[in-house]
Amino acid sequence: MKTVNVRELQKKIKEYIDVSQKDRVVLTRHGRPSAVLVGVEGEDWETVVLETNAAFWDLIQKRRKQKTISLNEMRDRLGLTKK
């Protein structure tokens, strides 16, 4: 992981965007981390939006905590079991 201060980023933005396609780049301000630059080249727009949407991930986490049922139970409920 590369670390760069904001002033250096301003001078060499293209270089660090290229670096971010392979590894994350931590941006610092006054010596402390302030942001992370993550490359998304080659990803589709919908994937980028969902991966960075906090509400989407909250929904995923809530769903993962819910009770689930087996595939066979679902088939039984839908009347799809073989007889």
N, C-alpha and C. Protein backbone atom coordinates (compact mmCIF):
# COMPACT_ATOMS: atom_id res chain seq x y z
N MET A 1 0.85 -1.17 0.00
CA MET A 1 0.00 0.00 0.00
C MET A 1 0.90 1.24 0.00
N LYS A 2 0.58 2.15 -0.86
CA LYS A 2 1.36 3.39 -1.01
C LYS A 2 0.72 4.48 -0.15
N THR A 3 1.54 5.34 0.42
CA THR A 3 1.07 6.47 1.19
C THR A 3 1.61 7.75 0.56
N VAL A 4 0.74 8.74 0.42
CA VAL A 4 1.16 9.99 -0.20
C VAL A 4 0.41 11.15 0.46
N ASN A 5 1.09 12.28 0.61
CA ASN A 5 0.39 13.44 1.19
C ASN A 5 -0.38 14.16 0.09
N VAL A 6 -1.35 14.94 0.49
CA VAL A 6 -2.25 15.60 -0.44
C VAL A 6 -1.51 16.53 -1.39
N ARG A 7 -0.52 17.22 -0.92
CA ARG A 7 0.24 18.13 -1.79
C ARG A 7 0.93 17.36 -2.91
N GLU A 8 1.54 16.23 -2.57
CA GLU A 8 2.20 15.40 -3.58
C GLU A 8 1.18 14.86 -4.57
N LEU A 9 0.02 14.47 -4.08
CA LEU A 9 -1.05 13.97 -4.95
C LEU A 9 -1.45 15.03 -5.97
N GLN A 10 -1.56 16.28 -5.52
CA GLN A 10 -1.94 17.36 -6.43
C GLN A 10 -0.92 17.52 -7.56
N LYS A 11 0.33 17.29 -7.27
CA LYS A 11 1.38 17.44 -8.28
C LYS A 11 1.41 16.28 -9.26
N LYS A 12 1.08 15.08 -8.78
CA LYS A 12 1.24 13.87 -9.60
C LYS A 12 -0.04 13.03 -9.60
N ILE A 13 -1.18 13.64 -9.78
CA ILE A 13 -2.46 12.93 -9.69
C ILE A 13 -2.55 11.76 -10.66
N LYS A 14 -2.13 11.94 -11.91
CA LYS A 14 -2.21 10.85 -12.89
C LYS A 14 -1.39 9.65 -12.43
N GLU A 15 -0.19 9.90 -11.94
CA GLU A 15 0.68 8.81 -11.48
C GLU A 15 0.00 8.01 -10.37
N TYR A 16 -0.62 8.70 -9.41
CA TYR A 16 -1.23 8.00 -8.28
C TYR A 16 -2.55 7.33 -8.66
N ILE A 17 -3.23 7.85 -9.64
CA ILE A 17 -4.42 7.15 -10.15
C ILE A 17 -3.98 5.83 -10.78
N ASP A 18 -2.89 5.86 -11.53
CA ASP A 18 -2.36 4.63 -12.11
C ASP A 18 -1.95 3.63 -11.02
N VAL A 19 -1.28 4.12 -9.99
CA VAL A 19 -0.86 3.25 -8.89
C VAL A 19 -2.09 2.64 -8.20
N SER A 20 -3.14 3.43 -8.06
CA SER A 20 -4.34 2.96 -7.35
C SER A 20 -5.06 1.82 -8.07
N GLN A 21 -4.77 1.63 -9.36
CA GLN A 21 -5.40 0.52 -10.09
C GLN A 21 -4.84 -0.83 -9.65
N LYS A 22 -3.64 -0.80 -9.05
CA LYS A 22 -3.00 -2.04 -8.60
C LYS A 22 -3.03 -2.20 -7.09
N ASP A 23 -3.03 -1.09 -6.37
CA ASP A 23 -2.99 -1.13 -4.91
C ASP A 23 -3.62 0.15 -4.36
N ARG A 24 -4.10 0.08 -3.17
CA ARG A 24 -4.71 1.27 -2.57
C ARG A 24 -3.65 2.31 -2.24
N VAL A 25 -4.05 3.56 -2.31
CA VAL A 25 -3.15 4.66 -1.99
C VAL A 25 -3.78 5.44 -0.83
N VAL A 26 -3.07 5.48 0.29
CA VAL A 26 -3.55 6.22 1.45
C VAL A 26 -3.10 7.67 1.33
N LEU A 27 -4.05 8.58 1.40
CA LEU A 27 -3.76 10.00 1.33
C LEU A 27 -3.66 10.56 2.74
N THR A 28 -2.63 11.34 2.97
CA THR A 28 -2.46 11.92 4.30
C THR A 28 -2.55 13.43 4.24
N ARG A 29 -2.99 13.98 5.34
CA ARG A 29 -3.03 15.43 5.51
C ARG A 29 -2.43 15.72 6.88
N HIS A 30 -1.39 16.53 6.91
CA HIS A 30 -0.67 16.85 8.15
C HIS A 30 -0.16 15.57 8.83
N GLY A 31 0.26 14.61 7.99
CA GLY A 31 0.85 13.38 8.51
C GLY A 31 -0.14 12.33 8.98
N ARG A 32 -1.43 12.61 8.86
CA ARG A 32 -2.44 11.65 9.31
C ARG A 32 -3.30 11.19 8.14
N PRO A 33 -3.71 9.92 8.14
CA PRO A 33 -4.55 9.42 7.05
C PRO A 33 -5.84 10.23 6.94
N SER A 34 -6.22 10.57 5.70
CA SER A 34 -7.46 11.33 5.52
C SER A 34 -8.38 10.70 4.47
N ALA A 35 -7.85 9.87 3.56
CA ALA A 35 -8.67 9.23 2.54
C ALA A 35 -7.88 8.08 1.94
N VAL A 36 -8.60 7.25 1.19
CA VAL A 36 -7.97 6.15 0.47
C VAL A 36 -8.39 6.25 -0.99
N LEU A 37 -7.43 6.18 -1.88
CA LEU A 37 -7.68 6.20 -3.31
C LEU A 37 -7.70 4.75 -3.79
N VAL A 38 -8.83 4.35 -4.37
CA VAL A 38 -9.00 2.97 -4.82
C VAL A 38 -9.31 2.99 -6.31
N GLY A 39 -8.54 2.27 -7.08
CA GLY A 39 -8.76 2.20 -8.51
C GLY A 39 -9.99 1.37 -8.85
N VAL A 40 -10.77 1.84 -9.82
CA VAL A 40 -11.97 1.12 -10.25
C VAL A 40 -12.00 0.92 -11.76
N GLU A 41 -10.87 1.15 -12.40
CA GLU A 41 -10.79 0.99 -13.84
C GLU A 41 -11.19 -0.43 -14.23
N GLY A 42 -12.07 -0.54 -15.23
CA GLY A 42 -12.52 -1.84 -15.69
C GLY A 42 -13.79 -2.32 -15.02
N GLU A 43 -14.23 -1.65 -13.98
CA GLU A 43 -15.48 -2.00 -13.30
C GLU A 43 -16.63 -1.29 -13.99
N ASP A 44 -17.83 -1.88 -13.92
CA ASP A 44 -18.97 -1.18 -14.49
C ASP A 44 -19.51 -0.18 -13.47
N TRP A 45 -20.23 0.81 -13.96
CA TRP A 45 -20.70 1.92 -13.13
C TRP A 45 -21.56 1.43 -11.96
N GLU A 46 -22.48 0.50 -12.22
CA GLU A 46 -23.37 0.00 -11.17
C GLU A 46 -22.59 -0.64 -10.03
N THR A 47 -21.57 -1.41 -10.36
CA THR A 47 -20.74 -2.05 -9.33
C THR A 47 -20.06 -1.00 -8.47
N VAL A 48 -19.50 0.01 -9.08
CA VAL A 48 -18.82 1.06 -8.33
C VAL A 48 -19.79 1.77 -7.40
N VAL A 49 -20.97 2.09 -7.89
CA VAL A 49 -21.96 2.80 -7.07
C VAL A 49 -22.38 1.94 -5.88
N LEU A 50 -22.67 0.66 -6.11
CA LEU A 50 -23.11 -0.21 -5.02
C LEU A 50 -22.00 -0.47 -4.01
N GLU A 51 -20.78 -0.67 -4.49
CA GLU A 51 -19.67 -0.95 -3.58
C GLU A 51 -19.35 0.23 -2.67
N THR A 52 -19.74 1.43 -3.06
CA THR A 52 -19.43 2.61 -2.26
C THR A 52 -20.65 3.20 -1.57
N ASN A 53 -21.78 2.48 -1.60
CA ASN A 53 -23.02 2.98 -1.04
C ASN A 53 -23.25 2.40 0.36
N ALA A 54 -23.13 3.24 1.39
CA ALA A 54 -23.28 2.78 2.77
C ALA A 54 -24.67 2.20 3.04
N ALA A 55 -25.71 2.79 2.48
CA ALA A 55 -27.07 2.28 2.69
C ALA A 55 -27.22 0.86 2.12
N PHE A 56 -26.60 0.60 0.98
CA PHE A 56 -26.63 -0.74 0.38
C PHE A 56 -25.99 -1.76 1.32
N TRP A 57 -24.83 -1.43 1.89
CA TRP A 57 -24.14 -2.36 2.77
C TRP A 57 -24.87 -2.53 4.09
N ASP A 58 -25.55 -1.50 4.57
CA ASP A 58 -26.39 -1.64 5.76
C ASP A 58 -27.51 -2.65 5.49
N LEU A 59 -28.12 -2.54 4.33
CA LEU A 59 -29.18 -3.48 3.94
C LEU A 59 -28.65 -4.91 3.87
N ILE A 60 -27.49 -5.10 3.28
CA ILE A 60 -26.88 -6.43 3.18
C ILE A 60 -26.65 -7.00 4.58
N GLN A 61 -26.09 -6.20 5.47
CA GLN A 61 -25.81 -6.69 6.82
C GLN A 61 -27.09 -7.05 7.57
N LYS A 62 -28.14 -6.26 7.42
CA LYS A 62 -29.42 -6.59 8.06
C LYS A 62 -29.98 -7.89 7.52
N ARG A 63 -29.91 -8.08 6.21
CA ARG A 63 -30.42 -9.30 5.59
C ARG A 63 -29.65 -10.53 6.06
N ARG A 64 -28.35 -10.39 6.22
CA ARG A 64 -27.53 -11.52 6.66
C ARG A 64 -27.88 -11.96 8.09
N LYS A 65 -28.43 -11.08 8.88
CA LYS A 65 -28.81 -11.41 10.25
C LYS A 65 -30.19 -12.07 10.33
N GLN A 66 -30.96 -12.00 9.26
CA GLN A 66 -32.31 -12.56 9.26
C GLN A 66 -32.26 -14.07 9.18
N LYS A 67 -33.31 -14.69 9.71
CA LYS A 67 -33.44 -16.14 9.66
C LYS A 67 -33.62 -16.57 8.20
N THR A 68 -33.00 -17.68 7.86
CA THR A 68 -33.11 -18.21 6.51
C THR A 68 -33.77 -19.59 6.54
N ILE A 69 -34.15 -20.08 5.37
CA ILE A 69 -34.69 -21.43 5.27
C ILE A 69 -33.90 -22.19 4.20
N SER A 70 -33.99 -23.50 4.26
CA SER A 70 -33.25 -24.31 3.29
C SER A 70 -33.94 -24.28 1.93
N LEU A 71 -33.20 -24.69 0.90
CA LEU A 71 -33.75 -24.75 -0.44
C LEU A 71 -34.92 -25.75 -0.49
N ASN A 72 -34.77 -26.87 0.18
CA ASN A 72 -35.86 -27.87 0.19
C ASN A 72 -37.11 -27.31 0.85
N GLU A 73 -36.95 -26.56 1.94
CA GLU A 73 -38.11 -25.96 2.60
C GLU A 73 -38.79 -24.94 1.67
N MET A 74 -38.00 -24.17 0.94
CA MET A 74 -38.56 -23.21 -0.01
C MET A 74 -39.33 -23.94 -1.10
N ARG A 75 -38.76 -25.02 -1.61
CA ARG A 75 -39.45 -25.80 -2.63
C ARG A 75 -40.78 -26.35 -2.10
N ASP A 76 -40.76 -26.82 -0.86
CA ASP A 76 -42.00 -27.32 -0.24
C ASP A 76 -43.05 -26.21 -0.17
N ARG A 77 -42.64 -25.04 0.27
CA ARG A 77 -43.57 -23.91 0.38
C ARG A 77 -44.18 -23.51 -0.96
N LEU A 78 -43.35 -23.64 -2.00
CA LEU A 78 -43.83 -23.26 -3.34
C LEU A 78 -44.49 -24.41 -4.07
N GLY A 79 -44.54 -25.57 -3.43
CA GLY A 79 -45.15 -26.73 -4.05
C GLY A 79 -44.33 -27.29 -5.20
N LEU A 80 -43.02 -27.17 -5.10
CA LEU A 80 -42.16 -27.62 -6.19
C LEU A 80 -41.45 -28.94 -5.89
N THR A 81 -41.80 -29.58 -4.79
CA THR A 81 -41.11 -30.84 -4.44
C THR A 81 -41.60 -31.96 -5.33
N LYS A 82 -40.68 -32.87 -5.62
CA LYS A 82 -41.02 -34.03 -6.44
C LYS A 82 -41.78 -35.04 -5.60
N LYS A 83 -42.76 -35.66 -6.20
CA LYS A 83 -43.55 -36.66 -5.47
C LYS A 83 -43.46 -37.98 -6.12
